[in-house]
All heavy atoms as atom14 arrays in JSON, in Angstrom:
{
  "sequence": "GATLGEVYHSVAEKSRVHGFPSGLCHTIGLGGHLSGGGTGTMMR",
  "atom14_mask": [
    [1, 1, 1, 1, 0, 0, 0, 0, 0, 0, 0, 0, 0, 0],
    [1, 1, 1, 1, 1, 0, 0, 0, 0, 0, 0, 0, 0, 0],
    [1, 1, 1, 1, 1, 1, 1, 0, 0, 0, 0, 0, 0, 0],
    [1, 1, 1, 1, 1, 1, 1, 1, 0, 0, 0, 0, 0, 0],
    [1, 1, 1, 1, 0, 0, 0, 0, 0, 0, 0, 0, 0, 0],
    [1, 1, 1, 1, 1, 1, 1, 1, 1, 0, 0, 0, 0, 0],
    [1, 1, 1, 1, 1, 1, 1, 0, 0, 0, 0, 0, 0, 0],
    [1, 1, 1, 1, 1, 1, 1, 1, 1, 1, 1, 1, 0, 0],
    [1, 1, 1, 1, 1, 1, 1, 1, 1, 1, 0, 0, 0, 0],
    [1, 1, 1, 1, 1, 1, 0, 0, 0, 0, 0, 0, 0, 0],
    [1, 1, 1, 1, 1, 1, 1, 0, 0, 0, 0, 0, 0, 0],
    [1, 1, 1, 1, 1, 0, 0, 0, 0, 0, 0, 0, 0, 0],
    [1, 1, 1, 1, 1, 1, 1, 1, 1, 0, 0, 0, 0, 0],
    [1, 1, 1, 1, 1, 1, 1, 1, 1, 0, 0, 0, 0, 0],
    [1, 1, 1, 1, 1, 1, 0, 0, 0, 0, 0, 0, 0, 0],
    [1, 1, 1, 1, 1, 1, 1, 1, 1, 1, 1, 0, 0, 0],
    [1, 1, 1, 1, 1, 1, 1, 0, 0, 0, 0, 0, 0, 0],
    [1, 1, 1, 1, 1, 1, 1, 1, 1, 1, 0, 0, 0, 0],
    [1, 1, 1, 1, 0, 0, 0, 0, 0, 0, 0, 0, 0, 0],
    [1, 1, 1, 1, 1, 1, 1, 1, 1, 1, 1, 0, 0, 0],
    [1, 1, 1, 1, 1, 1, 1, 0, 0, 0, 0, 0, 0, 0],
    [1, 1, 1, 1, 1, 1, 0, 0, 0, 0, 0, 0, 0, 0],
    [1, 1, 1, 1, 0, 0, 0, 0, 0, 0, 0, 0, 0, 0],
    [1, 1, 1, 1, 1, 1, 1, 1, 0, 0, 0, 0, 0, 0],
    [1, 1, 1, 1, 1, 1, 0, 0, 0, 0, 0, 0, 0, 0],
    [1, 1, 1, 1, 1, 1, 1, 1, 1, 1, 0, 0, 0, 0],
    [1, 1, 1, 1, 1, 1, 1, 0, 0, 0, 0, 0, 0, 0],
    [1, 1, 1, 1, 1, 1, 1, 1, 0, 0, 0, 0, 0, 0],
    [1, 1, 1, 1, 0, 0, 0, 0, 0, 0, 0, 0, 0, 0],
    [1, 1, 1, 1, 1, 1, 1, 1, 0, 0, 0, 0, 0, 0],
    [1, 1, 1, 1, 0, 0, 0, 0, 0, 0, 0, 0, 0, 0],
    [1, 1, 1, 1, 0, 0, 0, 0, 0, 0, 0, 0, 0, 0],
    [1, 1, 1, 1, 1, 1, 1, 1, 1, 1, 0, 0, 0, 0],
    [1, 1, 1, 1, 1, 1, 1, 1, 0, 0, 0, 0, 0, 0],
    [1, 1, 1, 1, 1, 1, 0, 0, 0, 0, 0, 0, 0, 0],
    [1, 1, 1, 1, 0, 0, 0, 0, 0, 0, 0, 0, 0, 0],
    [1, 1, 1, 1, 0, 0, 0, 0, 0, 0, 0, 0, 0, 0],
    [1, 1, 1, 1, 0, 0, 0, 0, 0, 0, 0, 0, 0, 0],
    [1, 1, 1, 1, 1, 1, 1, 0, 0, 0, 0, 0, 0, 0],
    [1, 1, 1, 1, 0, 0, 0, 0, 0, 0, 0, 0, 0, 0],
    [1, 1, 1, 1, 1, 1, 1, 0, 0, 0, 0, 0, 0, 0],
    [1, 1, 1, 1, 1, 1, 1, 1, 0, 0, 0, 0, 0, 0],
    [1, 1, 1, 1, 1, 1, 1, 1, 0, 0, 0, 0, 0, 0],
    [1, 1, 1, 1, 1, 1, 1, 1, 1, 1, 1, 0, 0, 0]
  ],
  "atom14_positions": [
    [[10.56, 0.31, 6.03], [10.9, 1.57, 5.4], [10.41, 1.71, 3.97], [10.59, 2.77, 3.35], [0.0, 0.0, 0.0], [0.0, 0.0, 0.0], [0.0, 0.0, 0.0], [0.0, 0.0, 0.0], [0.0, 0.0, 0.0], [0.0, 0.0, 0.0], [0.0, 0.0, 0.0], [0.0, 0.0, 0.0], [0.0, 0.0, 0.0], [0.0, 0.0, 0.0]],
    [[9.78, 0.68, 3.42], [9.22, 0.78, 2.07], [8.02, 1.72, 2.08], [7.28, 1.81, 3.06], [8.79, -0.6, 1.58], [0.0, 0.0, 0.0], [0.0, 0.0, 0.0], [0.0, 0.0, 0.0], [0.0, 0.0, 0.0], [0.0, 0.0, 0.0], [0.0, 0.0, 0.0], [0.0, 0.0, 0.0], [0.0, 0.0, 0.0], [0.0, 0.0, 0.0]],
    [[7.83, 2.44, 0.99], [6.65, 3.31, 0.86], [5.48, 2.52, 0.28], [5.67, 1.44, -0.31], [6.94, 4.5, -0.06], [7.24, 4.01, -1.38], [8.1, 5.34, 0.46], [0.0, 0.0, 0.0], [0.0, 0.0, 0.0], [0.0, 0.0, 0.0], [0.0, 0.0, 0.0], [0.0, 0.0, 0.0], [0.0, 0.0, 0.0], [0.0, 0.0, 0.0]],
    [[4.29, 3.08, 0.42], [3.13, 2.44, -0.19], [3.31, 2.32, -1.69], [2.94, 1.3, -2.29], [1.86, 3.25, 0.11], [1.48, 3.44, 1.58], [0.12, 4.12, 1.68], [1.48, 2.13, 2.33], [0.0, 0.0, 0.0], [0.0, 0.0, 0.0], [0.0, 0.0, 0.0], [0.0, 0.0, 0.0], [0.0, 0.0, 0.0], [0.0, 0.0, 0.0]],
    [[3.89, 3.34, -2.31], [4.11, 3.28, -3.75], [5.02, 2.14, -4.14], [4.8, 1.46, -5.15], [0.0, 0.0, 0.0], [0.0, 0.0, 0.0], [0.0, 0.0, 0.0], [0.0, 0.0, 0.0], [0.0, 0.0, 0.0], [0.0, 0.0, 0.0], [0.0, 0.0, 0.0], [0.0, 0.0, 0.0], [0.0, 0.0, 0.0], [0.0, 0.0, 0.0]],
    [[6.06, 1.89, -3.35], [6.98, 0.79, -3.64], [6.28, -0.56, -3.46], [6.53, -1.5, -4.22], [8.2, 0.89, -2.72], [9.11, 2.06, -3.09], [10.18, 2.36, -2.05], [10.03, 1.96, -0.89], [11.17, 3.03, -2.42], [0.0, 0.0, 0.0], [0.0, 0.0, 0.0], [0.0, 0.0, 0.0], [0.0, 0.0, 0.0], [0.0, 0.0, 0.0]],
    [[5.39, -0.64, -2.49], [4.63, -1.88, -2.29], [3.71, -2.12, -3.48], [3.69, -3.21, -4.08], [3.82, -1.83, -0.99], [2.93, -3.06, -0.85], [4.74, -1.72, 0.22], [0.0, 0.0, 0.0], [0.0, 0.0, 0.0], [0.0, 0.0, 0.0], [0.0, 0.0, 0.0], [0.0, 0.0, 0.0], [0.0, 0.0, 0.0], [0.0, 0.0, 0.0]],
    [[2.92, -1.1, -3.83], [1.98, -1.25, -4.95], [2.71, -1.63, -6.24], [2.28, -2.5, -7.0], [1.2, 0.05, -5.16], [0.37, 0.51, -3.99], [0.08, 1.86, -3.82], [-0.12, -0.38, -3.04], [-0.68, 2.31, -2.76], [-0.89, 0.05, -1.98], [-1.16, 1.4, -1.84], [-1.92, 1.85, -0.78], [0.0, 0.0, 0.0], [0.0, 0.0, 0.0]],
    [[3.82, -0.95, -6.49], [4.59, -1.19, -7.71], [5.12, -2.62, -7.74], [5.05, -3.31, -8.78], [5.73, -0.19, -7.8], [6.45, -0.15, -9.11], [7.5, -1.01, -9.4], [6.28, 0.62, -10.22], [7.94, -0.76, -10.62], [7.21, 0.23, -11.14], [0.0, 0.0, 0.0], [0.0, 0.0, 0.0], [0.0, 0.0, 0.0], [0.0, 0.0, 0.0]],
    [[5.64, -3.09, -6.63], [6.21, -4.45, -6.58], [5.14, -5.51, -6.77], [5.37, -6.52, -7.45], [6.9, -4.67, -5.23], [8.01, -3.81, -5.08], [0.0, 0.0, 0.0], [0.0, 0.0, 0.0], [0.0, 0.0, 0.0], [0.0, 0.0, 0.0], [0.0, 0.0, 0.0], [0.0, 0.0, 0.0], [0.0, 0.0, 0.0], [0.0, 0.0, 0.0]],
    [[3.96, -5.29, -6.2], [2.87, -6.25, -6.38], [2.45, -6.27, -7.85], [2.25, -7.35, -8.44], [1.67, -5.89, -5.47], [0.47, -6.77, -5.79], [2.06, -6.04, -4.0], [0.0, 0.0, 0.0], [0.0, 0.0, 0.0], [0.0, 0.0, 0.0], [0.0, 0.0, 0.0], [0.0, 0.0, 0.0], [0.0, 0.0, 0.0], [0.0, 0.0, 0.0]],
    [[2.31, -5.09, -8.45], [1.86, -5.01, -9.85], [2.86, -5.64, -10.81], [2.47, -6.14, -11.88], [1.61, -3.56, -10.23], [0.0, 0.0, 0.0], [0.0, 0.0, 0.0], [0.0, 0.0, 0.0], [0.0, 0.0, 0.0], [0.0, 0.0, 0.0], [0.0, 0.0, 0.0], [0.0, 0.0, 0.0], [0.0, 0.0, 0.0], [0.0, 0.0, 0.0]],
    [[4.14, -5.62, -10.47], [5.13, -6.27, -11.31], [4.91, -7.78, -11.4], [5.28, -8.41, -12.38], [6.54, -5.99, -10.78], [7.07, -4.6, -11.11], [8.52, -4.45, -10.72], [8.89, -4.94, -9.62], [9.3, -3.87, -11.5], [0.0, 0.0, 0.0], [0.0, 0.0, 0.0], [0.0, 0.0, 0.0], [0.0, 0.0, 0.0], [0.0, 0.0, 0.0]],
    [[4.32, -8.33, -10.35], [4.1, -9.79, -10.3], [2.72, -10.2, -10.76], [2.52, -11.32, -11.21], [4.32, -10.3, -8.86], [5.75, -10.17, -8.35], [6.68, -11.13, -9.08], [8.1, -11.07, -8.53], [8.2, -11.67, -7.18], [0.0, 0.0, 0.0], [0.0, 0.0, 0.0], [0.0, 0.0, 0.0], [0.0, 0.0, 0.0], [0.0, 0.0, 0.0]],
    [[1.74, -9.29, -10.62], [0.37, -9.7, -10.93], [-0.51, -8.49, -11.22], [-0.43, -7.47, -10.52], [-0.22, -10.48, -9.76], [-1.61, -10.69, -9.93], [0.0, 0.0, 0.0], [0.0, 0.0, 0.0], [0.0, 0.0, 0.0], [0.0, 0.0, 0.0], [0.0, 0.0, 0.0], [0.0, 0.0, 0.0], [0.0, 0.0, 0.0], [0.0, 0.0, 0.0]],
    [[-1.37, -8.63, -12.2], [-2.35, -7.59, -12.53], [-3.61, -7.73, -11.67], [-4.43, -6.8, -11.61], [-2.72, -7.7, -14.02], [-3.67, -6.63, -14.54], [-4.02, -6.9, -15.99], [-5.08, -6.01, -16.48], [-4.87, -4.84, -17.07], [-3.64, -4.41, -17.25], [-5.89, -4.11, -17.48], [0.0, 0.0, 0.0], [0.0, 0.0, 0.0], [0.0, 0.0, 0.0]],
    [[-3.77, -8.87, -11.01], [-5.01, -9.13, -10.28], [-4.79, -9.23, -8.77], [-5.57, -9.83, -8.05], [-5.72, -10.39, -10.8], [-6.18, -10.19, -12.23], [-4.81, -11.61, -10.7], [0.0, 0.0, 0.0], [0.0, 0.0, 0.0], [0.0, 0.0, 0.0], [0.0, 0.0, 0.0], [0.0, 0.0, 0.0], [0.0, 0.0, 0.0], [0.0, 0.0, 0.0]],
    [[-3.7, -8.64, -8.29], [-3.46, -8.55, -6.86], [-3.23, -7.09, -6.47], [-2.72, -6.3, -7.26], [-2.24, -9.39, -6.45], [-2.49, -10.86, -6.44], [-2.48, -11.62, -7.59], [-2.76, -11.72, -5.41], [-2.73, -12.88, -7.28], [-2.89, -12.97, -5.97], [0.0, 0.0, 0.0], [0.0, 0.0, 0.0], [0.0, 0.0, 0.0], [0.0, 0.0, 0.0]],
    [[-3.6, -6.78, -5.25], [-3.36, -5.45, -4.72], [-3.23, -5.51, -3.22], [-3.19, -6.6, -2.63], [0.0, 0.0, 0.0], [0.0, 0.0, 0.0], [0.0, 0.0, 0.0], [0.0, 0.0, 0.0], [0.0, 0.0, 0.0], [0.0, 0.0, 0.0], [0.0, 0.0, 0.0], [0.0, 0.0, 0.0], [0.0, 0.0, 0.0], [0.0, 0.0, 0.0]],
    [[-3.18, -4.34, -2.59], [-3.14, -4.29, -1.14], [-3.98, -3.11, -0.67], [-3.85, -2.01, -1.2], [-1.7, -4.14, -0.64], [-1.6, -4.18, 0.87], [-1.93, -5.33, 1.56], [-1.21, -3.06, 1.58], [-1.87, -5.37, 2.95], [-1.15, -3.09, 2.97], [-1.48, -4.25, 3.65], [0.0, 0.0, 0.0], [0.0, 0.0, 0.0], [0.0, 0.0, 0.0]],
    [[-4.89, -3.33, 0.3], [-5.8, -2.26, 0.73], [-5.11, -1.3, 1.69], [-4.97, -1.57, 2.88], [-6.92, -3.04, 1.44], [-6.26, -4.28, 1.95], [-5.17, -4.61, 0.96], [0.0, 0.0, 0.0], [0.0, 0.0, 0.0], [0.0, 0.0, 0.0], [0.0, 0.0, 0.0], [0.0, 0.0, 0.0], [0.0, 0.0, 0.0], [0.0, 0.0, 0.0]],
    [[-4.67, -0.17, 1.16], [-3.94, 0.79, 1.99], [-4.15, 2.19, 1.43], [-5.05, 2.42, 0.65], [-2.47, 0.39, 2.04], [-1.88, 0.76, 3.25], [0.0, 0.0, 0.0], [0.0, 0.0, 0.0], [0.0, 0.0, 0.0], [0.0, 0.0, 0.0], [0.0, 0.0, 0.0], [0.0, 0.0, 0.0], [0.0, 0.0, 0.0], [0.0, 0.0, 0.0]],
    [[-3.3, 3.13, 1.82], [-3.56, 4.55, 1.64], [-3.4, 5.1, 0.23], [-2.93, 4.41, -0.69], [0.0, 0.0, 0.0], [0.0, 0.0, 0.0], [0.0, 0.0, 0.0], [0.0, 0.0, 0.0], [0.0, 0.0, 0.0], [0.0, 0.0, 0.0], [0.0, 0.0, 0.0], [0.0, 0.0, 0.0], [0.0, 0.0, 0.0], [0.0, 0.0, 0.0]],
    [[-3.75, 6.39, 0.09], [-3.74, 7.06, -1.2], [-2.38, 7.65, -1.56], [-2.02, 7.69, -2.73], [-4.77, 8.2, -1.21], [-6.23, 7.84, -0.97], [-7.09, 9.08, -1.1], [-6.7, 6.78, -1.95], [0.0, 0.0, 0.0], [0.0, 0.0, 0.0], [0.0, 0.0, 0.0], [0.0, 0.0, 0.0], [0.0, 0.0, 0.0], [0.0, 0.0, 0.0]],
    [[-1.65, 8.14, -0.57], [-0.41, 8.85, -0.86], [0.74, 7.86, -1.0], [1.06, 7.12, -0.07], [-0.12, 9.86, 0.24], [1.36, 10.84, -0.08], [0.0, 0.0, 0.0], [0.0, 0.0, 0.0], [0.0, 0.0, 0.0], [0.0, 0.0, 0.0], [0.0, 0.0, 0.0], [0.0, 0.0, 0.0], [0.0, 0.0, 0.0], [0.0, 0.0, 0.0]],
    [[1.38, 7.88, -2.15], [2.38, 6.84, -2.45], [3.67, 7.0, -1.66], [4.47, 6.07, -1.59], [2.68, 6.84, -3.95], [3.38, 8.07, -4.45], [2.77, 9.3, -4.49], [4.64, 8.26, -4.93], [3.61, 10.19, -4.98], [4.75, 9.61, -5.25], [0.0, 0.0, 0.0], [0.0, 0.0, 0.0], [0.0, 0.0, 0.0], [0.0, 0.0, 0.0]],
    [[3.92, 8.18, -1.06], [5.18, 8.39, -0.34], [5.09, 8.06, 1.15], [6.07, 8.21, 1.88], [5.67, 9.84, -0.52], [4.68, 10.74, -0.01], [5.93, 10.15, -1.98], [0.0, 0.0, 0.0], [0.0, 0.0, 0.0], [0.0, 0.0, 0.0], [0.0, 0.0, 0.0], [0.0, 0.0, 0.0], [0.0, 0.0, 0.0], [0.0, 0.0, 0.0]],
    [[3.93, 7.61, 1.62], [3.79, 7.22, 3.02], [4.6, 5.95, 3.28], [4.58, 5.01, 2.48], [2.31, 6.97, 3.37], [1.54, 8.29, 3.35], [2.16, 6.29, 4.72], [0.05, 8.13, 3.54], [0.0, 0.0, 0.0], [0.0, 0.0, 0.0], [0.0, 0.0, 0.0], [0.0, 0.0, 0.0], [0.0, 0.0, 0.0], [0.0, 0.0, 0.0]],
    [[5.28, 5.88, 4.41], [6.01, 4.68, 4.78], [5.05, 3.61, 5.29], [4.17, 3.89, 6.11], [0.0, 0.0, 0.0], [0.0, 0.0, 0.0], [0.0, 0.0, 0.0], [0.0, 0.0, 0.0], [0.0, 0.0, 0.0], [0.0, 0.0, 0.0], [0.0, 0.0, 0.0], [0.0, 0.0, 0.0], [0.0, 0.0, 0.0], [0.0, 0.0, 0.0]],
    [[5.23, 2.39, 4.81], [4.32, 1.31, 5.2], [4.4, 1.04, 6.7], [3.38, 0.74, 7.34], [4.65, 0.03, 4.44], [3.67, -1.12, 4.69], [2.41, -0.93, 3.87], [4.3, -2.46, 4.37], [0.0, 0.0, 0.0], [0.0, 0.0, 0.0], [0.0, 0.0, 0.0], [0.0, 0.0, 0.0], [0.0, 0.0, 0.0], [0.0, 0.0, 0.0]],
    [[5.6, 1.17, 7.29], [5.77, 0.84, 8.69], [4.84, 1.62, 9.6], [4.09, 1.05, 10.39], [0.0, 0.0, 0.0], [0.0, 0.0, 0.0], [0.0, 0.0, 0.0], [0.0, 0.0, 0.0], [0.0, 0.0, 0.0], [0.0, 0.0, 0.0], [0.0, 0.0, 0.0], [0.0, 0.0, 0.0], [0.0, 0.0, 0.0], [0.0, 0.0, 0.0]],
    [[4.85, 2.94, 9.48], [3.98, 3.76, 10.3], [2.52, 3.62, 9.93], [1.64, 3.64, 10.79], [0.0, 0.0, 0.0], [0.0, 0.0, 0.0], [0.0, 0.0, 0.0], [0.0, 0.0, 0.0], [0.0, 0.0, 0.0], [0.0, 0.0, 0.0], [0.0, 0.0, 0.0], [0.0, 0.0, 0.0], [0.0, 0.0, 0.0], [0.0, 0.0, 0.0]],
    [[2.24, 3.47, 8.64], [0.87, 3.38, 8.16], [0.15, 2.17, 8.78], [-0.95, 2.29, 9.3], [0.89, 3.27, 6.63], [-0.45, 3.45, 5.99], [-1.2, 4.6, 6.12], [-1.17, 2.63, 5.18], [-2.32, 4.49, 5.43], [-2.33, 3.3, 4.86], [0.0, 0.0, 0.0], [0.0, 0.0, 0.0], [0.0, 0.0, 0.0], [0.0, 0.0, 0.0]],
    [[0.79, 1.0, 8.74], [0.17, -0.19, 9.28], [0.12, -0.17, 10.8], [-0.82, -0.7, 11.4], [0.92, -1.44, 8.82], [0.89, -1.74, 7.32], [1.56, -3.08, 7.03], [-0.53, -1.74, 6.77], [0.0, 0.0, 0.0], [0.0, 0.0, 0.0], [0.0, 0.0, 0.0], [0.0, 0.0, 0.0], [0.0, 0.0, 0.0], [0.0, 0.0, 0.0]],
    [[1.11, 0.45, 11.43], [1.12, 0.45, 12.89], [-0.01, 1.3, 13.46], [-0.39, 1.14, 14.62], [2.47, 0.92, 13.43], [2.6, 2.32, 13.37], [0.0, 0.0, 0.0], [0.0, 0.0, 0.0], [0.0, 0.0, 0.0], [0.0, 0.0, 0.0], [0.0, 0.0, 0.0], [0.0, 0.0, 0.0], [0.0, 0.0, 0.0], [0.0, 0.0, 0.0]],
    [[-0.59, 2.2, 12.64], [-1.71, 3.01, 13.09], [-3.05, 2.55, 12.56], [-4.09, 3.05, 12.98], [0.0, 0.0, 0.0], [0.0, 0.0, 0.0], [0.0, 0.0, 0.0], [0.0, 0.0, 0.0], [0.0, 0.0, 0.0], [0.0, 0.0, 0.0], [0.0, 0.0, 0.0], [0.0, 0.0, 0.0], [0.0, 0.0, 0.0], [0.0, 0.0, 0.0]],
    [[-3.07, 1.63, 11.62], [-4.32, 1.12, 11.05], [-4.22, 0.96, 9.55], [-4.16, -0.13, 9.02], [0.0, 0.0, 0.0], [0.0, 0.0, 0.0], [0.0, 0.0, 0.0], [0.0, 0.0, 0.0], [0.0, 0.0, 0.0], [0.0, 0.0, 0.0], [0.0, 0.0, 0.0], [0.0, 0.0, 0.0], [0.0, 0.0, 0.0], [0.0, 0.0, 0.0]],
    [[-4.21, 2.09, 8.82], [-4.03, 2.04, 7.37], [-5.33, 2.05, 6.6], [-5.77, 1.02, 6.08], [0.0, 0.0, 0.0], [0.0, 0.0, 0.0], [0.0, 0.0, 0.0], [0.0, 0.0, 0.0], [0.0, 0.0, 0.0], [0.0, 0.0, 0.0], [0.0, 0.0, 0.0], [0.0, 0.0, 0.0], [0.0, 0.0, 0.0], [0.0, 0.0, 0.0]],
    [[-5.97, 3.23, 6.5], [-7.21, 3.36, 5.73], [-6.89, 3.51, 4.25], [-5.78, 3.9, 3.87], [-8.03, 4.57, 6.2], [-7.23, 5.76, 6.04], [-8.41, 4.43, 7.66], [0.0, 0.0, 0.0], [0.0, 0.0, 0.0], [0.0, 0.0, 0.0], [0.0, 0.0, 0.0], [0.0, 0.0, 0.0], [0.0, 0.0, 0.0], [0.0, 0.0, 0.0]],
    [[-7.86, 3.21, 3.4], [-7.65, 3.34, 1.96], [-8.91, 3.04, 1.18], [-9.97, 2.76, 1.75], [0.0, 0.0, 0.0], [0.0, 0.0, 0.0], [0.0, 0.0, 0.0], [0.0, 0.0, 0.0], [0.0, 0.0, 0.0], [0.0, 0.0, 0.0], [0.0, 0.0, 0.0], [0.0, 0.0, 0.0], [0.0, 0.0, 0.0], [0.0, 0.0, 0.0]],
    [[-8.81, 3.08, -0.13], [-9.98, 2.99, -1.01], [-10.58, 1.58, -1.1], [-11.66, 1.42, -1.64], [-9.63, 3.46, -2.43], [-8.52, 2.69, -2.92], [-9.28, 4.94, -2.45], [0.0, 0.0, 0.0], [0.0, 0.0, 0.0], [0.0, 0.0, 0.0], [0.0, 0.0, 0.0], [0.0, 0.0, 0.0], [0.0, 0.0, 0.0], [0.0, 0.0, 0.0]],
    [[-9.89, 0.58, -0.59], [-10.45, -0.78, -0.61], [-10.86, -1.26, 0.78], [-11.15, -2.43, 0.98], [-9.47, -1.77, -1.24], [-9.24, -1.54, -2.72], [-8.55, -2.98, -3.59], [-6.88, -3.03, -2.92], [0.0, 0.0, 0.0], [0.0, 0.0, 0.0], [0.0, 0.0, 0.0], [0.0, 0.0, 0.0], [0.0, 0.0, 0.0], [0.0, 0.0, 0.0]],
    [[-10.93, -0.34, 1.76], [-11.22, -0.81, 3.12], [-12.66, -1.29, 3.27], [-12.95, -2.12, 4.14], [-10.89, 0.28, 4.14], [-11.71, 1.54, 4.08], [-11.13, 2.72, 5.35], [-12.15, 4.15, 4.97], [0.0, 0.0, 0.0], [0.0, 0.0, 0.0], [0.0, 0.0, 0.0], [0.0, 0.0, 0.0], [0.0, 0.0, 0.0], [0.0, 0.0, 0.0]],
    [[-13.6, -0.8, 2.46], [-14.97, -1.29, 2.56], [-15.09, -2.72, 2.03], [-16.03, -3.44, 2.38], [-15.94, -0.37, 1.81], [-15.97, 1.06, 2.35], [-17.11, 1.88, 1.75], [-18.4, 1.34, 2.11], [-19.21, 0.68, 1.3], [-18.87, 0.5, 0.02], [-20.37, 0.21, 1.72], [0.0, 0.0, 0.0], [0.0, 0.0, 0.0], [0.0, 0.0, 0.0]]
  ]
}
């Protein structure tokens, strides 16, 4: 039930040099996003 924004924010709290390759909209739920694939700006 976490959103992409909550994931990105939590990662950034721990490290400036880590991220996660996923979508643009921060309010998307991670559960559904990953279960369908999860495109984003780092997929290449």
